[in-house]
Amino acid sequence: MTPKTLYKVTFLNHGKVYALYARQVESGRLWGFVEVSELVFDVHDGLVVDPTEERLRDEFAGTRTLHLPMQSVLRVEEVEKKGHSAIRDAATGEAVVTPFPLPARPR
C-alpha cells in the first residue's frame, strides 16, 4: 500500500498567512474556488503542545471541506512529510500565535 499524498496549502485569510496540511486538494466544483479536504493535524498525547496547531485544530474543527477563493491561495506543495502548521501576519511575516505566554509588563 502506498502512503497517501500530502499537500501543504498556504493561503491568505484576513491579513494572515495560513499554512495547513491536507490529503486532498482539487479545483473546486464551485467556479473560482480550491477545495481542500482531509485536513491533517498533529495529535500529541504528551505534555508538549504546539499552540499554533491547537488554534488551527480548534478553528477548523468539524470542517469537512475548505473552499478557498483561488486568488487567496498562495501556494500548494506536494510534500513527503508533515511540517509545522503556521499562522503568520501577512505584512511582517511574524508568527501570530506566541509559543509561550508573555510576562505581564510592569505599570
N, C-alpha and C. Protein backbone atom coordinates (compact mmCIF):
# COMPACT_ATOMS: atom_id res chain seq x y z
N MET A 1 0.84 -1.18 0.00
CA MET A 1 0.00 0.00 0.00
C MET A 1 0.88 1.24 0.00
N THR A 2 0.64 2.17 -0.91
CA THR A 2 1.42 3.40 -0.97
C THR A 2 0.83 4.42 0.00
N PRO A 3 1.71 5.25 0.59
CA PRO A 3 1.20 6.27 1.50
C PRO A 3 0.37 7.30 0.74
N LYS A 4 -0.63 7.86 1.41
CA LYS A 4 -1.49 8.85 0.77
C LYS A 4 -0.70 10.15 0.53
N THR A 5 -1.05 10.81 -0.54
CA THR A 5 -0.42 12.07 -0.89
C THR A 5 -0.72 13.12 0.18
N LEU A 6 0.27 13.96 0.47
CA LEU A 6 0.13 15.01 1.46
C LEU A 6 0.47 16.35 0.82
N TYR A 7 -0.37 17.34 1.04
CA TYR A 7 -0.17 18.67 0.47
C TYR A 7 -0.02 19.70 1.58
N LYS A 8 0.83 20.68 1.33
CA LYS A 8 0.93 21.86 2.19
C LYS A 8 0.26 22.99 1.42
N VAL A 9 -0.79 23.57 2.00
CA VAL A 9 -1.55 24.63 1.35
C VAL A 9 -1.32 25.92 2.11
N THR A 10 -0.82 26.94 1.42
CA THR A 10 -0.57 28.24 2.02
C THR A 10 -1.55 29.23 1.41
N PHE A 11 -2.30 29.94 2.27
CA PHE A 11 -3.31 30.86 1.76
C PHE A 11 -3.45 32.08 2.66
N LEU A 12 -3.99 33.14 2.09
CA LEU A 12 -4.19 34.41 2.79
C LEU A 12 -5.63 34.47 3.31
N ASN A 13 -5.77 34.86 4.59
CA ASN A 13 -7.10 34.95 5.21
C ASN A 13 -7.09 36.08 6.24
N HIS A 14 -7.84 37.15 5.99
CA HIS A 14 -7.97 38.28 6.90
C HIS A 14 -6.61 38.85 7.35
N GLY A 15 -5.72 39.08 6.40
CA GLY A 15 -4.42 39.68 6.70
C GLY A 15 -3.41 38.74 7.33
N LYS A 16 -3.73 37.47 7.35
CA LYS A 16 -2.81 36.48 7.91
C LYS A 16 -2.56 35.39 6.87
N VAL A 17 -1.36 34.83 6.92
CA VAL A 17 -0.99 33.75 6.02
C VAL A 17 -1.07 32.44 6.80
N TYR A 18 -1.92 31.54 6.34
CA TYR A 18 -2.11 30.23 6.97
C TYR A 18 -1.35 29.18 6.18
N ALA A 19 -0.75 28.23 6.86
CA ALA A 19 -0.13 27.07 6.23
C ALA A 19 -0.75 25.83 6.88
N LEU A 20 -1.49 25.06 6.09
CA LEU A 20 -2.17 23.86 6.57
C LEU A 20 -1.74 22.66 5.74
N TYR A 21 -1.94 21.48 6.30
CA TYR A 21 -1.65 20.24 5.59
C TYR A 21 -2.95 19.50 5.34
N ALA A 22 -3.06 18.91 4.14
CA ALA A 22 -4.28 18.20 3.77
C ALA A 22 -3.93 17.02 2.87
N ARG A 23 -4.83 16.05 2.85
CA ARG A 23 -4.65 14.86 2.00
C ARG A 23 -5.23 15.06 0.60
N GLN A 24 -6.15 16.01 0.45
CA GLN A 24 -6.80 16.17 -0.83
C GLN A 24 -6.96 17.65 -1.17
N VAL A 25 -6.51 18.02 -2.39
CA VAL A 25 -6.67 19.38 -2.91
C VAL A 25 -7.14 19.25 -4.35
N GLU A 26 -8.22 19.95 -4.69
CA GLU A 26 -8.79 19.88 -6.03
C GLU A 26 -9.26 21.25 -6.46
N SER A 27 -9.35 21.46 -7.79
CA SER A 27 -10.03 22.66 -8.25
C SER A 27 -11.49 22.43 -7.92
N GLY A 28 -12.13 23.42 -7.38
CA GLY A 28 -13.44 23.24 -6.80
C GLY A 28 -14.57 23.05 -7.80
N ARG A 29 -15.61 22.43 -7.31
CA ARG A 29 -16.85 22.33 -8.08
C ARG A 29 -17.50 23.70 -8.17
N LEU A 30 -17.19 24.56 -7.18
CA LEU A 30 -17.63 25.95 -7.25
C LEU A 30 -16.59 26.71 -8.06
N TRP A 31 -17.02 27.37 -9.11
CA TRP A 31 -16.10 28.05 -10.00
C TRP A 31 -15.28 29.10 -9.24
N GLY A 32 -13.96 29.08 -9.41
CA GLY A 32 -13.08 30.05 -8.78
C GLY A 32 -12.63 29.68 -7.38
N PHE A 33 -12.91 28.45 -6.94
CA PHE A 33 -12.52 28.03 -5.60
C PHE A 33 -11.65 26.78 -5.66
N VAL A 34 -10.79 26.64 -4.67
CA VAL A 34 -9.97 25.45 -4.49
C VAL A 34 -10.54 24.70 -3.29
N GLU A 35 -10.78 23.40 -3.46
CA GLU A 35 -11.30 22.59 -2.36
C GLU A 35 -10.15 21.89 -1.65
N VAL A 36 -10.09 22.09 -0.35
CA VAL A 36 -9.07 21.46 0.49
C VAL A 36 -9.81 20.61 1.51
N SER A 37 -9.53 19.30 1.51
CA SER A 37 -10.23 18.42 2.45
C SER A 37 -9.26 17.43 3.08
N GLU A 38 -9.76 16.73 4.08
CA GLU A 38 -8.97 15.79 4.88
C GLU A 38 -7.76 16.52 5.50
N LEU A 39 -8.07 17.58 6.26
CA LEU A 39 -7.02 18.34 6.94
C LEU A 39 -6.26 17.44 7.90
N VAL A 40 -4.95 17.66 8.01
CA VAL A 40 -4.09 16.83 8.85
C VAL A 40 -3.51 17.69 9.96
N PHE A 41 -3.74 17.27 11.20
CA PHE A 41 -3.19 17.95 12.37
C PHE A 41 -2.44 16.93 13.21
N ASP A 42 -1.40 17.39 13.92
CA ASP A 42 -0.68 16.52 14.84
C ASP A 42 -1.55 16.24 16.05
N VAL A 43 -1.48 15.01 16.53
CA VAL A 43 -2.19 14.64 17.75
C VAL A 43 -1.13 14.28 18.77
N HIS A 44 -1.01 15.13 19.80
CA HIS A 44 0.01 14.91 20.83
C HIS A 44 -0.63 14.36 22.08
N ASP A 45 -0.07 13.28 22.59
CA ASP A 45 -0.55 12.73 23.85
C ASP A 45 0.32 13.18 25.01
N GLY A 46 1.47 13.78 24.71
CA GLY A 46 2.40 14.17 25.75
C GLY A 46 2.10 15.55 26.31
N LEU A 47 3.06 16.08 27.04
CA LEU A 47 2.90 17.38 27.68
C LEU A 47 3.17 18.54 26.73
N VAL A 48 4.02 18.35 25.73
CA VAL A 48 4.38 19.43 24.83
C VAL A 48 3.26 19.59 23.79
N VAL A 49 2.69 20.78 23.75
CA VAL A 49 1.60 21.07 22.83
C VAL A 49 1.98 22.30 22.01
N ASP A 50 1.81 22.23 20.70
CA ASP A 50 2.08 23.35 19.82
C ASP A 50 0.85 24.25 19.81
N PRO A 51 0.94 25.50 20.32
CA PRO A 51 -0.24 26.36 20.40
C PRO A 51 -0.82 26.72 19.03
N THR A 52 0.03 26.83 18.01
CA THR A 52 -0.47 27.13 16.67
C THR A 52 -1.30 25.97 16.16
N GLU A 53 -0.80 24.76 16.34
CA GLU A 53 -1.53 23.56 15.91
C GLU A 53 -2.87 23.46 16.64
N GLU A 54 -2.87 23.77 17.93
CA GLU A 54 -4.10 23.74 18.71
C GLU A 54 -5.11 24.77 18.20
N ARG A 55 -4.62 25.98 17.91
CA ARG A 55 -5.51 27.03 17.42
C ARG A 55 -6.11 26.66 16.07
N LEU A 56 -5.29 26.12 15.17
CA LEU A 56 -5.78 25.71 13.86
C LEU A 56 -6.78 24.56 13.99
N ARG A 57 -6.48 23.61 14.85
CA ARG A 57 -7.39 22.47 15.05
C ARG A 57 -8.74 22.96 15.58
N ASP A 58 -8.71 23.92 16.51
CA ASP A 58 -9.95 24.48 17.04
C ASP A 58 -10.71 25.27 15.97
N GLU A 59 -9.98 26.08 15.20
CA GLU A 59 -10.62 26.92 14.18
C GLU A 59 -11.28 26.09 13.08
N PHE A 60 -10.66 24.98 12.70
CA PHE A 60 -11.17 24.16 11.61
C PHE A 60 -11.82 22.86 12.08
N ALA A 61 -12.16 22.79 13.36
CA ALA A 61 -12.82 21.60 13.89
C ALA A 61 -14.16 21.40 13.18
N GLY A 62 -14.41 20.19 12.74
CA GLY A 62 -15.66 19.88 12.09
C GLY A 62 -15.72 20.28 10.62
N THR A 63 -14.62 20.83 10.08
CA THR A 63 -14.59 21.23 8.67
C THR A 63 -14.30 20.01 7.81
N ARG A 64 -15.24 19.68 6.94
CA ARG A 64 -15.03 18.56 6.02
C ARG A 64 -14.26 19.02 4.78
N THR A 65 -14.67 20.16 4.22
CA THR A 65 -14.01 20.70 3.04
C THR A 65 -13.89 22.21 3.19
N LEU A 66 -12.70 22.71 2.92
CA LEU A 66 -12.43 24.15 2.97
C LEU A 66 -12.46 24.65 1.53
N HIS A 67 -13.32 25.61 1.24
CA HIS A 67 -13.43 26.19 -0.10
C HIS A 67 -12.71 27.54 -0.08
N LEU A 68 -11.55 27.59 -0.71
CA LEU A 68 -10.73 28.81 -0.71
C LEU A 68 -10.83 29.50 -2.05
N PRO A 69 -11.05 30.82 -2.07
CA PRO A 69 -11.03 31.53 -3.34
C PRO A 69 -9.64 31.38 -3.99
N MET A 70 -9.61 31.13 -5.30
CA MET A 70 -8.33 30.90 -5.98
C MET A 70 -7.32 32.01 -5.72
N GLN A 71 -7.79 33.27 -5.69
CA GLN A 71 -6.85 34.39 -5.52
C GLN A 71 -6.26 34.45 -4.12
N SER A 72 -6.83 33.74 -3.15
CA SER A 72 -6.26 33.74 -1.80
C SER A 72 -5.20 32.65 -1.62
N VAL A 73 -5.16 31.67 -2.52
CA VAL A 73 -4.19 30.58 -2.41
C VAL A 73 -2.84 31.07 -2.92
N LEU A 74 -1.85 31.04 -2.05
CA LEU A 74 -0.51 31.48 -2.42
C LEU A 74 0.33 30.36 -2.99
N ARG A 75 0.12 29.13 -2.45
CA ARG A 75 0.96 28.02 -2.87
C ARG A 75 0.34 26.70 -2.45
N VAL A 76 0.50 25.69 -3.30
CA VAL A 76 0.14 24.32 -2.96
C VAL A 76 1.34 23.45 -3.27
N GLU A 77 1.84 22.75 -2.25
CA GLU A 77 3.03 21.91 -2.42
C GLU A 77 2.69 20.47 -2.08
N GLU A 78 3.16 19.54 -2.87
CA GLU A 78 3.05 18.13 -2.52
C GLU A 78 4.31 17.81 -1.73
N VAL A 79 4.15 17.35 -0.50
CA VAL A 79 5.28 17.13 0.40
C VAL A 79 5.36 15.66 0.81
N GLU A 80 6.54 15.26 1.29
CA GLU A 80 6.74 13.88 1.73
C GLU A 80 6.27 13.65 3.15
N LYS A 81 6.46 14.67 4.02
CA LYS A 81 6.02 14.53 5.41
C LYS A 81 5.53 15.86 5.93
N LYS A 82 4.74 15.80 6.98
CA LYS A 82 4.14 16.99 7.56
C LYS A 82 5.17 17.80 8.33
N GLY A 83 5.13 19.09 8.12
CA GLY A 83 5.95 20.02 8.90
C GLY A 83 5.05 20.74 9.89
N HIS A 84 5.46 21.95 10.26
CA HIS A 84 4.68 22.73 11.23
C HIS A 84 3.61 23.55 10.50
N SER A 85 2.40 23.48 10.99
CA SER A 85 1.34 24.36 10.52
C SER A 85 1.62 25.74 11.10
N ALA A 86 1.17 26.79 10.41
CA ALA A 86 1.52 28.13 10.88
C ALA A 86 0.43 29.14 10.57
N ILE A 87 0.42 30.20 11.38
CA ILE A 87 -0.37 31.40 11.10
C ILE A 87 0.60 32.56 11.27
N ARG A 88 0.78 33.33 10.20
CA ARG A 88 1.71 34.45 10.23
C ARG A 88 1.01 35.72 9.78
N ASP A 89 1.50 36.85 10.28
CA ASP A 89 1.00 38.13 9.82
C ASP A 89 1.48 38.35 8.39
N ALA A 90 0.59 38.72 7.49
CA ALA A 90 0.94 38.86 6.08
C ALA A 90 1.94 39.99 5.85
N ALA A 91 1.86 41.07 6.60
CA ALA A 91 2.73 42.22 6.40
C ALA A 91 4.14 41.99 6.94
N THR A 92 4.24 41.44 8.15
CA THR A 92 5.55 41.31 8.80
C THR A 92 6.14 39.91 8.71
N GLY A 93 5.30 38.90 8.53
CA GLY A 93 5.78 37.52 8.49
C GLY A 93 5.98 36.92 9.87
N GLU A 94 5.64 37.69 10.91
CA GLU A 94 5.82 37.19 12.27
C GLU A 94 4.69 36.24 12.65
N ALA A 95 5.02 35.27 13.49
CA ALA A 95 4.02 34.32 13.96
C ALA A 95 2.95 35.05 14.75
N VAL A 96 1.69 34.66 14.53
CA VAL A 96 0.58 35.29 15.23
C VAL A 96 0.39 34.67 16.60
N VAL A 97 0.61 33.39 16.72
CA VAL A 97 0.47 32.68 17.99
C VAL A 97 1.85 32.56 18.61
N THR A 98 2.01 33.09 19.83
CA THR A 98 3.28 33.00 20.51
C THR A 98 3.40 31.66 21.21
N PRO A 99 4.59 31.04 21.22
CA PRO A 99 4.73 29.72 21.80
C PRO A 99 4.57 29.67 23.32
N PHE A 100 4.89 30.77 24.02
CA PHE A 100 4.78 30.80 25.47
C PHE A 100 4.06 32.08 25.87
N PRO A 101 3.34 32.06 26.99
CA PRO A 101 2.70 33.30 27.45
C PRO A 101 3.76 34.36 27.73
N LEU A 102 3.50 35.56 27.31
CA LEU A 102 4.43 36.66 27.56
C LEU A 102 4.22 37.17 28.98
N PRO A 103 5.31 37.54 29.67
CA PRO A 103 5.14 38.06 31.02
C PRO A 103 4.42 39.40 30.99
N ALA A 104 3.68 39.68 32.03
CA ALA A 104 2.96 40.96 32.13
C ALA A 104 3.96 42.08 32.30
N ARG A 105 3.68 43.21 31.65
CA ARG A 105 4.56 44.36 31.78
C ARG A 105 4.25 45.11 33.08
N PRO A 106 5.29 45.54 33.78
CA PRO A 106 5.05 46.34 35.00
C PRO A 106 4.48 47.70 34.59
N ARG A 107 3.58 48.21 35.41
CA ARG A 107 2.95 49.51 35.12
C ARG A 107 3.62 50.61 35.83
